[in-house]
């Protein structure tokens, strides 16, 4: 199961809304974050959640790239 499907289930259960509406909300949230997070996370979040994987392949995100991107959010250099 792709992470986006898990996110949709969580939104549906927690908000008490049907899955089709939860899917719309999840995609809207992912697009919002994808455009605002620093690279390399931004621009790749949707692909990662859809199960496309990162540079490491196999459907798993490249955690080094994600950590470096998150570190940039807090003014710290990447790995």
PDB file of N, CA and C in Angstrom:
ATOM      1  N   UNK A   1       0.849  -1.182   0.000  1.00  0.00           N
ATOM      2  CA  UNK A   1       0.000   0.000   0.000  1.00  0.00           C
ATOM      3  C   UNK A   1       0.893   1.243   0.000  1.00  0.00           C
ATOM      4  N   UNK A   2       0.605   2.157  -0.891  1.00  0.00           N
ATOM      5  CA  UNK A   2       1.371   3.399  -0.965  1.00  0.00           C
ATOM      6  C   UNK A   2       1.067   4.262   0.269  1.00  0.00           C
ATOM      7  N   UNK A   3       2.038   5.064   0.647  1.00  0.00           N
ATOM      8  CA  UNK A   3       1.859   5.933   1.813  1.00  0.00           C
ATOM      9  C   UNK A   3       0.665   6.861   1.651  1.00  0.00           C
ATOM     10  N   UNK A   4       0.379   7.293   0.418  1.00  0.00           N
ATOM     11  CA  UNK A   4      -0.750   8.196   0.204  1.00  0.00           C
ATOM     12  C   UNK A   4      -2.050   7.516   0.604  1.00  0.00           C
ATOM     13  N   UNK A   5      -2.157   6.203   0.365  1.00  0.00           N
ATOM     14  CA  UNK A   5      -3.354   5.466   0.750  1.00  0.00           C
ATOM     15  C   UNK A   5      -3.501   5.406   2.270  1.00  0.00           C
ATOM     16  N   UNK A   6      -2.381   5.236   2.955  1.00  0.00           N
ATOM     17  CA  UNK A   6      -2.403   5.257   4.421  1.00  0.00           C
ATOM     18  C   UNK A   6      -2.821   6.632   4.931  1.00  0.00           C
ATOM     19  N   UNK A   7      -2.305   7.684   4.299  1.00  0.00           N
ATOM     20  CA  UNK A   7      -2.672   9.041   4.677  1.00  0.00           C
ATOM     21  C   UNK A   7      -4.165   9.271   4.473  1.00  0.00           C
ATOM     22  N   UNK A   8      -4.696   8.792   3.353  1.00  0.00           N
ATOM     23  CA  UNK A   8      -6.125   8.931   3.060  1.00  0.00           C
ATOM     24  C   UNK A   8      -6.947   8.219   4.131  1.00  0.00           C
ATOM     25  N   UNK A   9      -6.543   7.021   4.515  1.00  0.00           N
ATOM     26  CA  UNK A   9      -7.265   6.288   5.548  1.00  0.00           C
ATOM     27  C   UNK A   9      -7.253   7.035   6.875  1.00  0.00           C
ATOM     28  N   UNK A  10      -6.096   7.575   7.233  1.00  0.00           N
ATOM     29  CA  UNK A  10      -5.986   8.330   8.493  1.00  0.00           C
ATOM     30  C   UNK A  10      -6.889   9.558   8.474  1.00  0.00           C
ATOM     31  N   UNK A  11      -6.870  10.299   7.389  1.00  0.00           N
ATOM     32  CA  UNK A  11      -7.713  11.491   7.277  1.00  0.00           C
ATOM     33  C   UNK A  11      -9.179  11.101   7.347  1.00  0.00           C
ATOM     34  N   UNK A  12      -9.558  10.056   6.633  1.00  0.00           N
ATOM     35  CA  UNK A  12     -10.943   9.591   6.618  1.00  0.00           C
ATOM     36  C   UNK A  12     -11.410   9.214   8.018  1.00  0.00           C
ATOM     37  N   UNK A  13     -10.585   8.436   8.725  1.00  0.00           N
ATOM     38  CA  UNK A  13     -10.951   7.989  10.066  1.00  0.00           C
ATOM     39  C   UNK A  13     -10.980   9.138  11.069  1.00  0.00           C
ATOM     40  N   UNK A  14      -9.953   9.955  11.071  1.00  0.00           N
ATOM     41  CA  UNK A  14      -9.846  11.021  12.073  1.00  0.00           C
ATOM     42  C   UNK A  14     -10.849  12.144  11.852  1.00  0.00           C
ATOM     43  N   UNK A  15     -11.125  12.451  10.580  1.00  0.00           N
ATOM     44  CA  UNK A  15     -12.058  13.542  10.285  1.00  0.00           C
ATOM     45  C   UNK A  15     -13.488  13.039  10.145  1.00  0.00           C
ATOM     46  N   UNK A  16     -13.650  11.710  10.060  1.00  0.00           N
ATOM     47  CA  UNK A  16     -14.983  11.142   9.913  1.00  0.00           C
ATOM     48  C   UNK A  16     -15.628  11.502   8.583  1.00  0.00           C
ATOM     49  N   UNK A  17     -14.807  11.476   7.518  1.00  0.00           N
ATOM     50  CA  UNK A  17     -15.311  11.815   6.188  1.00  0.00           C
ATOM     51  C   UNK A  17     -15.087  10.625   5.259  1.00  0.00           C
ATOM     52  N   UNK A  18     -15.859  10.553   4.168  1.00  0.00           N
ATOM     53  CA  UNK A  18     -15.675   9.448   3.222  1.00  0.00           C
ATOM     54  C   UNK A  18     -14.286   9.483   2.582  1.00  0.00           C
ATOM     55  N   UNK A  19     -13.824   8.305   2.143  1.00  0.00           N
ATOM     56  CA  UNK A  19     -12.481   8.210   1.572  1.00  0.00           C
ATOM     57  C   UNK A  19     -12.280   9.087   0.347  1.00  0.00           C
ATOM     58  N   UNK A  20     -13.312   9.279  -0.481  1.00  0.00           N
ATOM     59  CA  UNK A  20     -13.125  10.112  -1.674  1.00  0.00           C
ATOM     60  C   UNK A  20     -12.831  11.557  -1.288  1.00  0.00           C
ATOM     61  N   UNK A  21     -13.500  12.045  -0.258  1.00  0.00           N
ATOM     62  CA  UNK A  21     -13.227  13.410   0.207  1.00  0.00           C
ATOM     63  C   UNK A  21     -11.877  13.482   0.921  1.00  0.00           C
ATOM     64  N   UNK A  22     -11.526  12.425   1.657  1.00  0.00           N
ATOM     65  CA  UNK A  22     -10.224  12.367   2.329  1.00  0.00           C
ATOM     66  C   UNK A  22      -9.099  12.349   1.301  1.00  0.00           C
ATOM     67  N   UNK A  23      -9.298  11.643   0.176  1.00  0.00           N
ATOM     68  CA  UNK A  23      -8.289  11.586  -0.883  1.00  0.00           C
ATOM     69  C   UNK A  23      -8.071  12.979  -1.472  1.00  0.00           C
ATOM     70  N   UNK A  24      -9.170  13.714  -1.699  1.00  0.00           N
ATOM     71  CA  UNK A  24      -9.067  15.084  -2.218  1.00  0.00           C
ATOM     72  C   UNK A  24      -8.291  15.958  -1.238  1.00  0.00           C
ATOM     73  N   UNK A  25      -8.598  15.832   0.060  1.00  0.00           N
ATOM     74  CA  UNK A  25      -7.911  16.616   1.087  1.00  0.00           C
ATOM     75  C   UNK A  25      -6.432  16.243   1.164  1.00  0.00           C
ATOM     76  N   UNK A  26      -6.141  14.951   1.091  1.00  0.00           N
ATOM     77  CA  UNK A  26      -4.754  14.496   1.172  1.00  0.00           C
ATOM     78  C   UNK A  26      -3.935  15.040   0.006  1.00  0.00           C
ATOM     79  N   UNK A  27      -4.486  14.951  -1.192  1.00  0.00           N
ATOM     80  CA  UNK A  27      -3.751  15.447  -2.368  1.00  0.00           C
ATOM     81  C   UNK A  27      -3.562  16.961  -2.297  1.00  0.00           C
ATOM     82  N   UNK A  28      -4.560  17.675  -1.797  1.00  0.00           N
ATOM     83  CA  UNK A  28      -4.422  19.132  -1.648  1.00  0.00           C
ATOM     84  C   UNK A  28      -3.313  19.463  -0.650  1.00  0.00           C
ATOM     85  N   UNK A  29      -3.267  18.738   0.462  1.00  0.00           N
ATOM     86  CA  UNK A  29      -2.242  18.977   1.477  1.00  0.00           C
ATOM     87  C   UNK A  29      -0.851  18.647   0.942  1.00  0.00           C
ATOM     88  N   UNK A  30      -0.740  17.535   0.230  1.00  0.00           N
ATOM     89  CA  UNK A  30       0.555  17.131  -0.327  1.00  0.00           C
ATOM     90  C   UNK A  30       1.040  18.157  -1.342  1.00  0.00           C
ATOM     91  N   UNK A  31       0.163  18.616  -2.213  1.00  0.00           N
ATOM     92  CA  UNK A  31       0.554  19.629  -3.203  1.00  0.00           C
ATOM     93  C   UNK A  31       0.987  20.923  -2.512  1.00  0.00           C
ATOM     94  N   UNK A  32       0.269  21.307  -1.455  1.00  0.00           N
ATOM     95  CA  UNK A  32       0.620  22.511  -0.703  1.00  0.00           C
ATOM     96  C   UNK A  32       2.033  22.369  -0.111  1.00  0.00           C
ATOM     97  N   UNK A  33       2.293  21.255   0.583  1.00  0.00           N
ATOM     98  CA  UNK A  33       3.591  21.038   1.208  1.00  0.00           C
ATOM     99  C   UNK A  33       4.699  20.848   0.179  1.00  0.00           C
ATOM    100  N   UNK A  34       4.389  20.135  -0.889  1.00  0.00           N
ATOM    101  CA  UNK A  34       5.377  19.854  -1.931  1.00  0.00           C
ATOM    102  C   UNK A  34       5.941  21.137  -2.534  1.00  0.00           C
ATOM    103  N   UNK A  35       5.109  22.139  -2.650  1.00  0.00           N
ATOM    104  CA  UNK A  35       5.548  23.397  -3.231  1.00  0.00           C
ATOM    105  C   UNK A  35       6.238  24.332  -2.255  1.00  0.00           C
ATOM    106  N   UNK A  36       6.194  24.008  -0.968  1.00  0.00           N
ATOM    107  CA  UNK A  36       6.735  24.922   0.038  1.00  0.00           C
ATOM    108  C   UNK A  36       7.914  24.386   0.838  1.00  0.00           C
ATOM    109  N   UNK A  37       8.095  23.072   0.851  1.00  0.00           N
ATOM    110  CA  UNK A  37       9.231  22.503   1.571  1.00  0.00           C
ATOM    111  C   UNK A  37      10.505  22.706   0.763  1.00  0.00           C
ATOM    112  N   UNK A  38      11.637  22.840   1.443  1.00  0.00           N
ATOM    113  CA  UNK A  38      12.896  23.043   0.726  1.00  0.00           C
ATOM    114  C   UNK A  38      13.310  21.779  -0.025  1.00  0.00           C
ATOM    115  N   UNK A  39      14.073  21.981  -1.088  1.00  0.00           N
ATOM    116  CA  UNK A  39      14.622  20.846  -1.834  1.00  0.00           C
ATOM    117  C   UNK A  39      15.560  20.095  -0.902  1.00  0.00           C
ATOM    118  N   UNK A  40      15.708  18.838  -0.993  1.00  0.00           N
ATOM    119  CA  UNK A  40      15.135  17.926  -1.966  1.00  0.00           C
ATOM    120  C   UNK A  40      13.776  17.367  -1.573  1.00  0.00           C
ATOM    121  N   UNK A  41      13.233  17.755  -0.416  1.00  0.00           N
ATOM    122  CA  UNK A  41      11.930  17.229  -0.017  1.00  0.00           C
ATOM    123  C   UNK A  41      10.845  17.823  -0.900  1.00  0.00           C
ATOM    124  N   UNK A  42      10.826  19.157  -0.998  1.00  0.00           N
ATOM    125  CA  UNK A  42       9.860  19.813  -1.863  1.00  0.00           C
ATOM    126  C   UNK A  42      10.075  19.384  -3.293  1.00  0.00           C
ATOM    127  N   UNK A  43       9.006  19.125  -3.984  1.00  0.00           N
ATOM    128  CA  UNK A  43       9.107  18.656  -5.349  1.00  0.00           C
ATOM    129  C   UNK A  43       9.141  17.142  -5.455  1.00  0.00           C
ATOM    130  N   UNK A  44       9.382  16.469  -4.351  1.00  0.00           N
ATOM    131  CA  UNK A  44       9.443  15.009  -4.352  1.00  0.00           C
ATOM    132  C   UNK A  44       8.430  14.363  -3.421  1.00  0.00           C
ATOM    133  N   UNK A  45       7.794  15.137  -2.585  1.00  0.00           N
ATOM    134  CA  UNK A  45       6.890  14.579  -1.588  1.00  0.00           C
ATOM    135  C   UNK A  45       5.765  13.775  -2.224  1.00  0.00           C
ATOM    136  N   UNK A  46       5.137  14.306  -3.244  1.00  0.00           N
ATOM    137  CA  UNK A  46       4.040  13.600  -3.906  1.00  0.00           C
ATOM    138  C   UNK A  46       4.520  12.270  -4.470  1.00  0.00           C
ATOM    139  N   UNK A  47       5.675  12.289  -5.125  1.00  0.00           N
ATOM    140  CA  UNK A  47       6.225  11.070  -5.710  1.00  0.00           C
ATOM    141  C   UNK A  47       6.527  10.038  -4.624  1.00  0.00           C
ATOM    142  N   UNK A  48       7.076  10.479  -3.510  1.00  0.00           N
ATOM    143  CA  UNK A  48       7.392   9.571  -2.417  1.00  0.00           C
ATOM    144  C   UNK A  48       6.128   8.959  -1.821  1.00  0.00           C
ATOM    145  N   UNK A  49       5.113   9.783  -1.600  1.00  0.00           N
ATOM    146  CA  UNK A  49       3.871   9.284  -1.014  1.00  0.00           C
ATOM    147  C   UNK A  49       3.121   8.372  -1.962  1.00  0.00           C
ATOM    148  N   UNK A  50       3.256   8.613  -3.259  1.00  0.00           N
ATOM    149  CA  UNK A  50       2.590   7.763  -4.243  1.00  0.00           C
ATOM    150  C   UNK A  50       3.322   6.445  -4.436  1.00  0.00           C
ATOM    151  N   UNK A  51       4.461   6.268  -3.755  1.00  0.00           N
ATOM    152  CA  UNK A  51       5.189   5.009  -3.839  1.00  0.00           C
ATOM    153  C   UNK A  51       6.270   4.991  -4.892  1.00  0.00           C
ATOM    154  N   UNK A  52       6.610   6.163  -5.426  1.00  0.00           N
ATOM    155  CA  UNK A  52       7.632   6.233  -6.462  1.00  0.00           C
ATOM    156  C   UNK A  52       9.031   6.071  -5.951  1.00  0.00           C
ATOM    157  N   UNK A  53       9.228   6.219  -4.657  1.00  0.00           N
ATOM    158  CA  UNK A  53      10.549   6.047  -4.067  1.00  0.00           C
ATOM    159  C   UNK A  53      11.452   7.227  -4.323  1.00  0.00           C
ATOM    160  N   UNK A  54      12.606   7.180  -3.717  1.00  0.00           N
ATOM    161  CA  UNK A  54      13.599   8.232  -3.874  1.00  0.00           C
ATOM    162  C   UNK A  54      14.792   7.708  -4.627  1.00  0.00           C
ATOM    163  N   UNK A  55      15.917   8.390  -4.475  1.00  0.00           N
ATOM    164  CA  UNK A  55      17.120   8.000  -5.200  1.00  0.00           C
ATOM    165  C   UNK A  55      17.587   6.605  -4.816  1.00  0.00           C
ATOM    166  N   UNK A  56      17.226   6.151  -3.603  1.00  0.00           N
ATOM    167  CA  UNK A  56      17.623   4.828  -3.153  1.00  0.00           C
ATOM    168  C   UNK A  56      16.858   3.717  -3.834  1.00  0.00           C
ATOM    169  N   UNK A  57      15.747   4.021  -4.497  1.00  0.00           N
ATOM    170  CA  UNK A  57      14.952   3.024  -5.214  1.00  0.00           C
ATOM    171  C   UNK A  57      14.180   2.145  -4.253  1.00  0.00           C
ATOM    172  N   UNK A  58      13.483   1.191  -4.806  1.00  0.00           N
ATOM    173  CA  UNK A  58      12.751   0.236  -3.995  1.00  0.00           C
ATOM    174  C   UNK A  58      11.573   0.835  -3.261  1.00  0.00           C
ATOM    175  N   UNK A  59      11.114   2.023  -3.656  1.00  0.00           N
ATOM    176  CA  UNK A  59       9.970   2.629  -3.002  1.00  0.00           C
ATOM    177  C   UNK A  59      10.310   3.354  -1.712  1.00  0.00           C
ATOM    178  N   UNK A  60      11.569   3.332  -1.311  1.00  0.00           N
ATOM    179  CA  UNK A  60      11.958   3.989  -0.074  1.00  0.00           C
ATOM    180  C   UNK A  60      12.601   5.329  -0.384  1.00  0.00           C
ATOM    181  N   UNK A  61      12.249   6.366   0.375  1.00  0.00           N
ATOM    182  CA  UNK A  61      12.877   7.662   0.150  1.00  0.00           C
ATOM    183  C   UNK A  61      14.349   7.638   0.544  1.00  0.00           C
ATOM    184  N   UNK A  62      15.121   8.510  -0.068  1.00  0.00           N
ATOM    185  CA  UNK A  62      16.524   8.663   0.298  1.00  0.00           C
ATOM    186  C   UNK A  62      16.562   9.502   1.565  1.00  0.00           C
ATOM    187  N   UNK A  63      16.770   8.848   2.700  1.00  0.00           N
ATOM    188  CA  UNK A  63      16.678   9.527   3.987  1.00  0.00           C
ATOM    189  C   UNK A  63      17.748  10.597   4.160  1.00  0.00           C
ATOM    190  N   UNK A  64      18.907  10.412   3.550  1.00  0.00           N
ATOM    191  CA  UNK A  64      19.942  11.440   3.619  1.00  0.00           C
ATOM    192  C   UNK A  64      19.497  12.719   2.946  1.00  0.00           C
ATOM    193  N   UNK A  65      18.850  12.601   1.797  1.00  0.00           N
ATOM    194  CA  UNK A  65      18.343  13.772   1.098  1.00  0.00           C
ATOM    195  C   UNK A  65      17.249  14.455   1.905  1.00  0.00           C
ATOM    196  N   UNK A  66      16.364  13.658   2.490  1.00  0.00           N
ATOM    197  CA  UNK A  66      15.270  14.233   3.289  1.00  0.00           C
ATOM    198  C   UNK A  66      15.832  14.943   4.506  1.00  0.00           C
ATOM    199  N   UNK A  67      16.785  14.319   5.195  1.00  0.00           N
ATOM    200  CA  UNK A  67      17.381  14.936   6.376  1.00  0.00           C
ATOM    201  C   UNK A  67      18.071  16.247   6.014  1.00  0.00           C
ATOM    202  N   UNK A  68      18.780  16.255   4.885  1.00  0.00           N
ATOM    203  CA  UNK A  68      19.443  17.483   4.452  1.00  0.00           C
ATOM    204  C   UNK A  68      18.442  18.581   4.152  1.00  0.00           C
ATOM    205  N   UNK A  69      17.337  18.219   3.518  1.00  0.00           N
ATOM    206  CA  UNK A  69      16.296  19.199   3.220  1.00  0.00           C
ATOM    207  C   UNK A  69      15.650  19.743   4.472  1.00  0.00           C
ATOM    208  N   UNK A  70      15.387  18.864   5.425  1.00  0.00           N
ATOM    209  CA  UNK A  70      14.780  19.317   6.676  1.00  0.00           C
ATOM    210  C   UNK A  70      15.760  20.167   7.475  1.00  0.00           C
ATOM    211  N   UNK A  71      17.047  19.792   7.433  1.00  0.00           N
ATOM    212  CA  UNK A  71      18.051  20.600   8.117  1.00  0.00           C
ATOM    213  C   UNK A  71      18.103  22.007   7.554  1.00  0.00           C
ATOM    214  N   UNK A  72      17.898  22.127   6.241  1.00  0.00           N
ATOM    215  CA  UNK A  72      17.875  23.449   5.611  1.00  0.00           C
ATOM    216  C   UNK A  72      16.727  24.308   6.104  1.00  0.00           C
ATOM    217  N   UNK A  73      15.638  23.675   6.528  1.00  0.00           N
ATOM    218  CA  UNK A  73      14.510  24.433   7.066  1.00  0.00           C
ATOM    219  C   UNK A  73      14.902  25.155   8.346  1.00  0.00           C
ATOM    220  N   UNK A  74      15.878  24.578   9.065  1.00  0.00           N
ATOM    221  CA  UNK A  74      16.262  25.125  10.350  1.00  0.00           C
ATOM    222  C   UNK A  74      17.621  25.813  10.296  1.00  0.00           C
ATOM    223  N   UNK A  75      18.062  26.133   9.083  1.00  0.00           N
ATOM    224  CA  UNK A  75      19.291  26.892   8.912  1.00  0.00           C
ATOM    225  C   UNK A  75      20.563  26.072   9.072  1.00  0.00           C
ATOM    226  N   UNK A  76      20.427  24.741   8.976  1.00  0.00           N
ATOM    227  CA  UNK A  76      21.604  23.876   9.096  1.00  0.00           C
ATOM    228  C   UNK A  76      21.890  23.275   7.740  1.00  0.00           C
ATOM    229  N   UNK A  77      23.133  23.036   7.471  1.00  0.00           N
ATOM    230  CA  UNK A  77      23.532  22.448   6.197  1.00  0.00           C
ATOM    231  C   UNK A  77      23.098  20.991   6.101  1.00  0.00           C
ATOM    232  N   UNK A  78      23.014  20.499   4.878  1.00  0.00           N
ATOM    233  CA  UNK A  78      22.661  19.101   4.648  1.00  0.00           C
ATOM    234  C   UNK A  78      23.798  18.185   5.008  1.00  0.00           C
ATOM    235  N   UNK A  79      23.575  16.879   4.788  1.00  0.00           N
ATOM    236  CA  UNK A  79      24.552  15.874   5.199  1.00  0.00           C
ATOM    237  C   UNK A  79      25.784  15.950   4.400  1.00  0.00           C
TER     238      UNK A  79
END
